[in-house]
Amino acid sequence: MLFQLDHPKPALPNSYFWTWDHSTNWMLDDPGVQNDGCHNQYLKRPETFVEDYRRLTDFAAGLGVKGIVIWGFLRDSHGGVEAAKRVAGYAASSGVAIMPGVGTTWYGGVYYEGDHRYSLRRFLREHPDGRMLDDNGQPREWAGEYGACPATPEYRQWLKESLDWLYREFEIGGVNIENGDLLTDCHPATQAMRREWPADDQEIFFFQGLSYRQALEAIRDRLADTMGTYATYTGFAYGRNLRDEHDHLLSSMGQQPPAMLEMLPPESIAQWTLTGMVLKKPLPLTAYLDDGAPAAAFDNPNWPAGLRPPNRRSVGLIHHGSCCWEDSRYKCVISSIKEACLRAYRAGMEGMTMEVEAPSCIFPCVLNYLAFSHFIHWPEDSLRDFGRKTLGQVFGSAEDGEIFTELLAHWDAGALTDAHRKLLDERMRGYVAFHAGLQSLERHRFWRWLHARATGMVERHTSTIF
């Protein structure tokens, strides 16, 4: 399903979708489709890469979302440079910024996978003395991959050249930079530069900051016109060991902000992980039905009211939407999306990002995506506002949109009454999609999905019609 929504300028303007190429499946009939994993091979047909992102680009443009991060943007297995040019060029012509994922010291470099001069794997094969070292002085290795020491002259020159090439060659709207999660490097060259860094800074943030500073300085003159975001891999709640909704431990920032925040170019944007900062048990949707900012959303020890990021420019990342973790890919997570957008806006952040890998024909992913679009534009809105303003455009009726969100909220809270169920049954059967054309079919799908959930039917995701 594609939508053309009439929304104003976003309140969180630098919001974008985050994706892996191998599990972004907007074209489902490919034998190489994967629904989970990280650092996976690309197994789909090369032409599917272009079509997946053409469809996702059209969807983002219709929802008023600024950009799409693509990890695996450049791979030999899905067409290399020419396919990436087609993806980036189409998005640029549609007003959507493609932001390739760039690994500085891990995660592939600029050219994620292939025998290319700007592939990190090839660089380390040609410069084995430039590998990252563990505390035993051995190359740091995982699943046959090695990391790079960011302090050697050869690496610094290679990184600058590769980023210059990326911006010259492709019509991109920025980059999303990572360095390989929470790594450290015991290479003598790196440790020599450590002595020039604040001594009380955590080792993981020194290593992040060193590699990020080199990458962001290389594109500094482009940051005024494009987004340069960098992953911190943590929230900004000092001194707390944050856990996400699956009880995965997320990094503690420590007792003070990382020194890199003052050392990186001020035009760059920190991407803070909010997954462990939002409420571990989301509020029932009824809490947001008539109140866009309930007090309970701020009663949170992992994100106390008034806590703001310690740097000037920030966006937030939540592992929601269609995340591959455990059973999250097909969950209705509107409450967490709403909470994150509200808290990010109140904290002065510039944008939000979440994973958007499953196609819009999948329920409840499409509801998550529509909620994300709404709350980056109106983060203070109630759920009824979402129904009237956004779902009202989908249904062609603000009244129907509001009724849908009321019923959705009570289903989510386990509070559907007999009157609710009767109303839902009437609405679902009121759309005879077989005779009324495509627009009615889309409306019917929404009502059919909710009706099926309310009657305890097995989740089919694509809202089977009968």
Protein backbone atom coordinates (compact mmCIF):
# COMPACT_ATOMS: atom_id res chain seq x y z
CA MET A 1 0.00 0.00 0.00
CA LEU A 2 1.22 3.49 -0.91
CA PHE A 3 -0.11 6.68 0.62
CA GLN A 4 0.09 10.33 -0.30
CA LEU A 5 -0.52 12.11 2.98
CA ASP A 6 -1.09 15.81 3.36
CA HIS A 7 1.10 16.67 6.35
CA PRO A 8 2.76 19.96 7.35
CA LYS A 9 6.49 20.41 7.91
CA PRO A 10 7.62 17.79 10.45
CA ALA A 11 8.25 18.82 14.04
CA LEU A 12 11.07 16.24 13.96
CA PRO A 13 12.40 17.14 10.50
CA ASN A 14 15.50 14.96 10.33
CA SER A 15 13.60 11.68 10.65
CA TYR A 16 14.45 8.72 8.46
CA PHE A 17 13.90 5.01 7.93
CA TRP A 18 16.67 2.52 8.81
CA THR A 19 17.20 -0.67 6.79
CA TRP A 20 19.46 -3.58 5.97
CA ASP A 21 19.43 -4.44 2.25
CA HIS A 22 19.19 -8.21 2.78
CA SER A 23 16.04 -8.07 4.93
CA THR A 24 14.25 -5.12 3.28
CA ASN A 25 11.55 -7.09 1.51
CA TRP A 26 9.13 -4.78 -0.26
CA MET A 27 9.04 -7.29 -3.10
CA LEU A 28 8.13 -10.59 -1.50
CA ASP A 29 8.34 -13.05 -4.41
CA ASP A 30 12.10 -13.60 -4.34
CA PRO A 31 13.62 -16.90 -3.18
CA GLY A 32 16.38 -15.06 -1.31
CA VAL A 33 14.08 -13.17 1.06
CA GLN A 34 15.36 -13.03 4.67
CA ASN A 35 13.41 -11.69 7.62
CA ASP A 36 16.10 -11.38 10.24
CA GLY A 37 19.81 -11.24 10.87
CA CYS A 38 22.66 -8.77 10.85
CA HIS A 39 25.74 -8.77 8.62
CA ASN A 40 23.96 -11.29 6.33
CA GLN A 41 24.81 -12.19 2.77
CA TYR A 42 22.54 -10.75 0.10
CA LEU A 43 20.71 -13.74 -1.42
CA LYS A 44 17.99 -12.06 -3.49
CA ARG A 45 18.16 -11.35 -7.21
CA PRO A 46 20.14 -8.19 -8.07
CA GLU A 47 17.11 -6.53 -9.68
CA THR A 48 15.15 -7.02 -6.44
CA PHE A 49 17.48 -4.60 -4.64
CA VAL A 50 16.50 -1.79 -7.00
CA GLU A 51 12.80 -2.63 -6.86
CA ASP A 52 12.69 -3.00 -3.07
CA TYR A 53 14.08 0.49 -2.62
CA ARG A 54 12.01 2.01 -5.41
CA ARG A 55 8.89 0.91 -3.56
CA LEU A 56 10.22 1.97 -0.17
CA THR A 57 11.25 5.36 -1.61
CA ASP A 58 7.72 5.95 -2.93
CA PHE A 59 6.35 5.01 0.49
CA ALA A 60 8.72 7.35 2.36
CA ALA A 61 7.93 10.23 0.01
CA GLY A 62 4.20 9.74 0.52
CA LEU A 63 4.58 9.75 4.30
CA GLY A 64 6.81 12.82 4.42
CA VAL A 65 9.86 10.96 5.76
CA LYS A 66 13.14 12.64 4.89
CA GLY A 67 15.46 9.74 4.15
CA ILE A 68 16.34 6.05 4.11
CA VAL A 69 19.48 4.52 5.62
CA ILE A 70 20.73 1.54 3.60
CA TRP A 71 23.27 -0.78 5.15
CA GLY A 72 24.67 -2.84 2.29
CA PHE A 73 24.16 0.03 -0.18
CA LEU A 74 27.15 -1.15 -2.24
CA ARG A 75 27.58 -4.87 -2.86
CA ASP A 76 28.80 -6.78 -5.88
CA SER A 77 26.00 -9.32 -5.29
CA HIS A 78 23.21 -6.85 -6.07
CA GLY A 79 24.71 -4.84 -8.87
CA GLY A 80 27.49 -2.80 -7.32
CA VAL A 81 27.94 0.78 -8.46
CA GLU A 82 25.33 0.82 -11.21
CA ALA A 83 22.49 -0.55 -9.07
CA ALA A 84 23.37 1.82 -6.23
CA LYS A 85 23.30 4.75 -8.66
CA ARG A 86 19.80 3.77 -9.76
CA VAL A 87 18.57 3.54 -6.16
CA ALA A 88 20.11 6.85 -5.09
CA GLY A 89 19.14 8.69 -8.26
CA TYR A 90 15.51 7.61 -8.07
CA ALA A 91 15.28 8.62 -4.41
CA ALA A 92 16.88 12.01 -5.06
CA SER A 93 14.38 12.69 -7.85
CA SER A 94 11.59 11.84 -5.37
CA GLY A 95 12.87 14.16 -2.64
CA VAL A 96 14.10 11.31 -0.41
CA ALA A 97 17.67 11.28 0.91
CA ILE A 98 19.49 7.96 0.60
CA MET A 99 22.00 7.63 3.46
CA PRO A 100 24.42 4.74 2.92
CA GLY A 101 25.60 2.94 6.02
CA VAL A 102 29.36 3.47 6.30
CA GLY A 103 31.47 1.35 8.62
CA THR A 104 34.60 3.16 9.68
CA THR A 105 36.62 0.48 11.49
CA TRP A 106 34.21 -2.44 10.99
CA TYR A 107 31.06 -3.14 8.93
CA GLY A 108 32.62 -3.00 5.51
CA GLY A 109 33.70 0.59 4.93
CA VAL A 110 32.00 2.49 2.11
CA TYR A 111 31.75 -0.54 -0.20
CA TYR A 112 30.07 -3.05 2.07
CA GLU A 113 30.81 -6.27 0.19
CA GLY A 114 32.92 -6.91 -2.90
CA ASP A 115 36.40 -6.71 -4.36
CA HIS A 116 36.52 -2.92 -4.54
CA ARG A 117 39.25 -0.51 -3.52
CA TYR A 118 36.90 1.07 -0.96
CA SER A 119 35.91 -2.23 0.65
CA LEU A 120 37.29 -2.51 4.19
CA ARG A 121 37.92 -6.22 3.69
CA ARG A 122 40.13 -5.53 0.67
CA PHE A 123 41.92 -2.68 2.43
CA LEU A 124 42.85 -4.94 5.36
CA ARG A 125 43.91 -7.71 3.02
CA GLU A 126 46.33 -5.26 1.39
CA HIS A 127 47.35 -3.68 4.73
CA PRO A 128 47.38 -6.54 7.29
CA ASP A 129 49.51 -4.46 9.68
CA GLY A 130 46.58 -2.06 9.96
CA ARG A 131 44.24 -4.53 11.65
CA MET A 132 42.66 -3.71 14.99
CA LEU A 133 44.26 -5.66 17.87
CA ASP A 134 42.81 -7.19 21.03
CA ASP A 135 44.43 -6.97 24.47
CA ASN A 136 46.63 -9.97 23.62
CA GLY A 137 48.03 -8.19 20.59
CA GLN A 138 46.16 -10.44 18.16
CA PRO A 139 43.99 -9.20 15.27
CA ARG A 140 40.43 -8.71 16.49
CA GLU A 141 38.33 -11.15 14.44
CA TRP A 142 34.67 -12.18 14.29
CA ALA A 143 33.16 -14.59 11.76
CA GLY A 144 36.17 -14.21 9.50
CA GLU A 145 36.04 -10.41 9.53
CA TYR A 146 38.68 -8.04 10.87
CA GLY A 147 38.52 -4.49 12.09
CA ALA A 148 40.78 -1.60 11.13
CA CYS A 149 43.11 0.43 13.31
CA PRO A 150 42.01 4.04 12.68
CA ALA A 151 45.39 5.55 13.55
CA THR A 152 47.58 4.47 10.65
CA PRO A 153 48.32 7.00 7.87
CA GLU A 154 47.25 4.49 5.19
CA TYR A 155 43.85 4.04 6.79
CA ARG A 156 43.22 7.76 7.26
CA GLN A 157 44.01 8.45 3.61
CA TRP A 158 41.87 5.51 2.45
CA LEU A 159 38.91 6.62 4.57
CA LYS A 160 39.02 10.18 3.22
CA GLU A 161 39.31 9.01 -0.38
CA SER A 162 36.46 6.52 -0.01
CA LEU A 163 34.06 9.12 1.43
CA ASP A 164 35.00 11.65 -1.24
CA TRP A 165 34.29 8.99 -3.88
CA LEU A 166 30.94 8.08 -2.30
CA TYR A 167 29.68 11.67 -2.40
CA ARG A 168 31.00 12.32 -5.92
CA GLU A 169 29.70 9.11 -7.45
CA PHE A 170 26.17 8.91 -6.01
CA GLU A 171 23.26 11.30 -5.45
CA ILE A 172 23.13 10.68 -1.72
CA GLY A 173 21.66 12.86 0.98
CA GLY A 174 24.06 11.92 3.74
CA VAL A 175 25.63 8.97 5.55
CA ASN A 176 24.90 6.89 8.64
CA ILE A 177 28.22 6.07 10.28
CA GLU A 178 29.01 3.17 12.60
CA ASN A 179 32.31 1.79 13.86
CA GLY A 180 31.37 -1.75 14.89
CA ASP A 181 29.41 -1.35 18.12
CA LEU A 182 31.28 -1.12 21.41
CA LEU A 183 34.82 -1.96 20.31
CA THR A 184 38.28 -1.10 21.58
CA ASP A 185 41.66 -1.29 19.85
CA CYS A 186 45.00 -2.10 21.48
CA HIS A 187 47.07 -1.33 18.38
CA PRO A 188 50.11 0.76 19.43
CA ALA A 189 49.21 3.51 16.94
CA THR A 190 45.71 3.82 18.41
CA GLN A 191 46.99 3.81 21.98
CA ALA A 192 49.49 6.53 21.11
CA MET A 193 46.55 8.73 20.05
CA ARG A 194 44.72 7.75 23.24
CA ARG A 195 47.27 9.79 25.18
CA GLU A 196 46.04 12.90 23.37
CA TRP A 197 42.43 12.19 24.40
CA PRO A 198 40.82 13.08 27.77
CA ALA A 199 42.05 10.45 30.21
CA ASP A 200 38.69 9.99 31.95
CA ASP A 201 36.80 9.21 28.73
CA GLN A 202 35.62 5.61 28.38
CA GLU A 203 37.77 3.52 26.04
CA ILE A 204 34.81 2.57 23.84
CA PHE A 205 33.90 6.21 23.30
CA PHE A 206 37.50 7.22 22.65
CA PHE A 207 37.64 4.59 19.90
CA GLN A 208 34.29 5.67 18.48
CA GLY A 209 35.26 9.30 18.59
CA LEU A 210 38.63 8.78 16.92
CA SER A 211 37.18 6.94 13.92
CA TYR A 212 34.09 9.16 13.68
CA ARG A 213 36.11 12.36 13.84
CA GLN A 214 38.25 11.29 10.90
CA ALA A 215 35.21 10.33 8.83
CA LEU A 216 33.17 13.44 9.66
CA GLU A 217 36.09 15.80 9.13
CA ALA A 218 36.51 14.28 5.67
CA ILE A 219 32.94 15.34 4.75
CA ARG A 220 32.71 18.43 6.93
CA ASP A 221 32.08 20.80 4.03
CA ARG A 222 29.08 18.63 2.99
CA LEU A 223 27.37 18.52 6.40
CA ALA A 224 25.54 21.81 5.93
CA ASP A 225 23.56 20.32 3.03
CA THR A 226 23.40 16.60 3.90
CA MET A 227 22.90 14.57 7.06
CA GLY A 228 25.92 13.05 8.73
CA THR A 229 24.66 10.83 11.56
CA TYR A 230 26.80 8.64 13.79
CA ALA A 231 25.68 5.77 16.03
CA THR A 232 26.49 6.03 19.73
CA TYR A 233 25.03 2.55 20.43
CA THR A 234 23.65 3.83 23.72
CA GLY A 235 21.10 6.09 25.29
CA PHE A 236 22.04 9.28 27.08
CA ALA A 237 20.88 8.35 30.59
CA TYR A 238 24.12 8.74 32.55
CA GLY A 239 25.16 5.94 34.85
CA ARG A 240 22.33 3.55 33.96
CA ASN A 241 22.71 0.12 32.41
CA LEU A 242 19.78 0.37 30.00
CA ARG A 243 17.86 -2.68 28.81
CA ASP A 244 15.51 -2.87 25.87
CA GLU A 245 12.10 -4.55 25.75
CA HIS A 246 13.75 -7.95 25.17
CA ASP A 247 15.97 -7.50 28.25
CA HIS A 248 19.08 -7.07 26.10
CA LEU A 249 21.68 -4.99 27.91
CA LEU A 250 22.46 -1.73 26.16
CA SER A 251 25.62 0.19 26.96
CA SER A 252 25.72 2.59 29.85
CA MET A 253 27.09 5.96 28.90
CA GLY A 254 28.90 6.13 32.22
CA GLN A 255 28.85 9.06 34.59
CA GLN A 256 29.52 11.79 32.03
CA PRO A 257 28.98 12.47 28.32
CA PRO A 258 31.61 11.13 25.92
CA ALA A 259 34.37 13.60 25.05
CA MET A 260 33.77 13.04 21.34
CA LEU A 261 30.57 15.11 21.53
CA GLU A 262 32.73 18.22 21.93
CA MET A 263 35.35 17.08 19.42
CA LEU A 264 33.26 16.09 16.41
CA PRO A 265 32.15 18.67 13.82
CA PRO A 266 29.18 20.56 15.30
CA GLU A 267 27.15 20.02 12.11
CA SER A 268 27.18 16.22 12.64
CA ILE A 269 24.25 14.48 14.32
CA ALA A 270 24.45 11.93 17.14
CA GLN A 271 22.12 8.95 16.75
CA TRP A 272 21.17 7.94 20.30
CA THR A 273 19.63 4.51 20.92
CA LEU A 274 16.33 5.15 22.70
CA THR A 275 15.24 1.50 22.73
CA GLY A 276 16.32 1.07 26.34
CA MET A 277 15.19 4.54 27.38
CA VAL A 278 11.51 4.28 26.47
CA LEU A 279 9.28 2.41 28.88
CA LYS A 280 10.09 -1.28 29.02
CA LYS A 281 6.36 -2.02 29.37
CA PRO A 282 4.66 0.37 26.92
CA LEU A 283 1.62 2.27 28.07
CA PRO A 284 -1.68 0.88 26.77
CA LEU A 285 -2.86 2.86 23.78
CA THR A 286 -5.85 4.05 25.79
CA ALA A 287 -3.40 6.23 27.76
CA TYR A 288 -2.80 8.25 24.57
CA LEU A 289 -6.36 8.12 23.25
CA ASP A 290 -7.34 11.59 24.47
CA ASP A 291 -4.04 12.83 25.92
CA GLY A 292 -1.00 13.35 23.72
CA ALA A 293 1.35 13.75 26.69
CA PRO A 294 0.11 11.71 29.68
CA ALA A 295 2.10 12.04 32.90
CA ALA A 296 2.74 8.28 32.89
CA ALA A 297 4.88 8.63 29.74
CA PHE A 298 7.36 10.71 31.76
CA ASP A 299 7.38 8.48 34.86
CA ASN A 300 10.41 6.54 33.72
CA PRO A 301 13.68 5.97 35.65
CA ASN A 302 15.56 5.30 32.41
CA TRP A 303 14.48 8.66 31.00
CA PRO A 304 13.63 11.08 33.80
CA ALA A 305 11.50 14.06 32.86
CA GLY A 306 13.68 16.91 31.63
CA LEU A 307 16.67 14.76 30.65
CA ARG A 308 18.03 15.96 27.31
CA PRO A 309 20.91 14.82 25.07
CA PRO A 310 24.22 16.36 26.11
CA ASN A 311 25.04 17.62 22.61
CA ARG A 312 23.54 20.15 20.22
CA ARG A 313 22.28 17.93 17.36
CA SER A 314 20.66 14.56 17.99
CA VAL A 315 18.24 12.01 16.56
CA GLY A 316 16.78 8.96 18.27
CA LEU A 317 16.79 5.31 17.15
CA ILE A 318 14.28 2.72 18.34
CA HIS A 319 14.43 -0.96 17.37
CA HIS A 320 10.75 -1.02 16.51
CA GLY A 321 8.62 -0.90 13.38
CA SER A 322 9.71 -4.12 11.68
CA CYS A 323 12.79 -5.04 13.64
CA CYS A 324 14.22 -8.54 13.21
CA TRP A 325 14.83 -9.09 16.93
CA GLU A 326 12.98 -12.14 18.25
CA ASP A 327 9.23 -11.66 17.64
CA SER A 328 9.30 -7.88 17.10
CA ARG A 329 9.00 -7.79 13.32
CA TYR A 330 5.22 -8.02 13.17
CA LYS A 331 4.19 -6.43 16.47
CA CYS A 332 1.95 -3.42 16.90
CA VAL A 333 4.31 -0.99 18.66
CA ILE A 334 2.42 2.28 18.22
CA SER A 335 2.66 3.09 21.92
CA SER A 336 6.48 2.96 21.92
CA ILE A 337 6.64 4.93 18.66
CA LYS A 338 4.37 7.62 20.07
CA GLU A 339 6.31 7.75 23.34
CA ALA A 340 9.69 8.00 21.61
CA CYS A 341 8.56 10.79 19.27
CA LEU A 342 7.00 12.73 22.15
CA ARG A 343 10.03 12.39 24.41
CA ALA A 344 12.48 13.14 21.61
CA TYR A 345 10.57 16.29 20.67
CA ARG A 346 10.37 17.48 24.27
CA ALA A 347 14.11 16.81 24.63
CA GLY A 348 14.97 19.04 21.68
CA MET A 349 16.02 16.28 19.31
CA GLU A 350 15.84 16.79 15.53
CA GLY A 351 14.42 13.49 14.39
CA MET A 352 13.60 9.84 14.92
CA THR A 353 14.46 6.67 13.05
CA MET A 354 13.15 3.11 13.12
CA GLU A 355 13.38 -0.02 11.00
CA VAL A 356 11.05 -0.20 7.98
CA GLU A 357 11.98 -3.47 6.27
CA ALA A 358 8.65 -5.31 5.97
CA PRO A 359 6.34 -4.03 3.22
CA SER A 360 3.24 -1.96 3.82
CA CYS A 361 0.96 -4.87 2.89
CA ILE A 362 1.96 -6.48 6.20
CA PHE A 363 -0.12 -5.79 9.29
CA PRO A 364 0.54 -4.36 11.81
CA CYS A 365 3.74 -2.94 10.28
CA VAL A 366 1.76 -0.51 8.14
CA LEU A 367 0.06 0.83 11.27
CA ASN A 368 3.48 1.34 12.87
CA TYR A 369 4.72 3.21 9.80
CA LEU A 370 1.66 5.45 9.62
CA ALA A 371 1.98 6.22 13.33
CA PHE A 372 5.66 7.07 12.87
CA SER A 373 4.78 9.42 10.02
CA HIS A 374 2.08 11.09 12.10
CA PHE A 375 4.05 11.55 15.31
CA ILE A 376 7.19 12.94 13.65
CA HIS A 377 4.89 15.63 12.29
CA TRP A 378 2.70 16.06 15.39
CA PRO A 379 4.53 14.50 18.38
CA GLU A 380 2.15 16.09 20.91
CA ASP A 381 -1.00 14.69 19.26
CA SER A 382 -3.34 12.18 20.87
CA LEU A 383 -4.23 8.87 19.30
CA ARG A 384 -7.59 10.31 18.24
CA ASP A 385 -5.68 13.03 16.38
CA PHE A 386 -3.72 10.29 14.61
CA GLY A 387 -7.02 8.71 13.63
CA ARG A 388 -8.58 11.91 12.32
CA LYS A 389 -5.57 13.45 10.56
CA THR A 390 -3.68 10.47 9.18
CA LEU A 391 -5.91 7.40 9.16
CA GLY A 392 -8.73 9.71 8.10
CA GLN A 393 -6.82 10.32 4.87
CA VAL A 394 -6.32 6.57 4.40
CA PHE A 395 -9.99 5.80 4.99
CA GLY A 396 -11.33 8.87 3.25
CA SER A 397 -13.19 9.77 6.45
CA ALA A 398 -11.89 11.50 9.59
CA GLU A 399 -14.76 9.92 11.52
CA ASP A 400 -13.81 6.41 10.44
CA GLY A 401 -10.17 7.10 11.27
CA GLU A 402 -11.09 8.24 14.76
CA ILE A 403 -13.38 5.25 15.35
CA PHE A 404 -10.63 2.88 14.18
CA THR A 405 -8.08 4.30 16.63
CA GLU A 406 -10.59 4.17 19.50
CA LEU A 407 -11.27 0.51 18.83
CA LEU A 408 -7.56 -0.20 18.28
CA ALA A 409 -6.72 1.41 21.63
CA HIS A 410 -9.29 -0.61 23.53
CA TRP A 411 -8.20 -3.84 21.80
CA ASP A 412 -4.57 -3.07 22.74
CA ALA A 413 -5.60 -2.45 26.36
CA GLY A 414 -7.74 -5.60 26.49
CA ALA A 415 -10.78 -3.42 27.16
CA LEU A 416 -13.14 -3.99 24.24
CA THR A 417 -16.78 -3.87 25.32
CA ASP A 418 -19.73 -5.54 23.62
CA ALA A 419 -20.62 -2.14 22.14
CA HIS A 420 -17.10 -1.84 20.72
CA ARG A 421 -17.28 -5.29 19.18
CA LYS A 422 -20.64 -4.56 17.61
CA LEU A 423 -19.33 -1.32 16.11
CA LEU A 424 -16.22 -3.08 14.80
CA ASP A 425 -18.32 -5.80 13.22
CA GLU A 426 -20.51 -3.21 11.52
CA ARG A 427 -17.52 -1.28 10.19
CA MET A 428 -15.74 -4.38 8.91
CA ARG A 429 -18.77 -5.69 7.06
CA GLY A 430 -19.62 -2.25 5.71
CA TYR A 431 -16.75 -2.38 3.21
CA VAL A 432 -17.50 -4.86 0.46
CA ALA A 433 -14.08 -4.71 -1.14
CA PHE A 434 -14.96 -7.15 -3.90
CA HIS A 435 -17.30 -4.65 -5.55
CA ALA A 436 -16.04 -1.21 -4.59
CA GLY A 437 -12.53 -0.99 -6.07
CA LEU A 438 -9.01 -0.59 -4.71
CA GLN A 439 -9.63 2.27 -2.27
CA SER A 440 -12.36 0.32 -0.51
CA LEU A 441 -10.11 -2.74 -0.50
CA GLU A 442 -7.44 -0.84 1.45
CA ARG A 443 -10.03 0.33 4.00
CA HIS A 444 -11.41 -3.19 4.26
CA ARG A 445 -7.96 -4.59 4.99
CA PHE A 446 -7.55 -2.33 8.03
CA TRP A 447 -10.95 -3.19 9.46
CA ARG A 448 -10.54 -6.89 8.66
CA TRP A 449 -7.19 -7.04 10.45
CA LEU A 450 -8.53 -5.35 13.58
CA HIS A 451 -11.70 -7.45 13.56
CA ALA A 452 -9.63 -10.61 13.33
CA ARG A 453 -7.47 -9.55 16.29
CA ALA A 454 -10.52 -8.63 18.35
CA THR A 455 -12.07 -12.06 17.76
CA GLY A 456 -8.89 -13.92 18.68
CA MET A 457 -8.00 -15.18 15.22
CA VAL A 458 -4.45 -16.26 14.39
CA GLU A 459 -2.30 -13.36 13.15
CA ARG A 460 -1.95 -13.61 9.36
CA HIS A 461 -0.24 -10.24 8.88
CA THR A 462 -1.69 -9.72 5.39
CA SER A 463 -5.32 -9.56 6.58
CA THR A 464 -6.92 -12.43 4.70
CA ILE A 465 -10.32 -11.44 3.32
CA PHE A 466 -13.29 -13.79 3.56
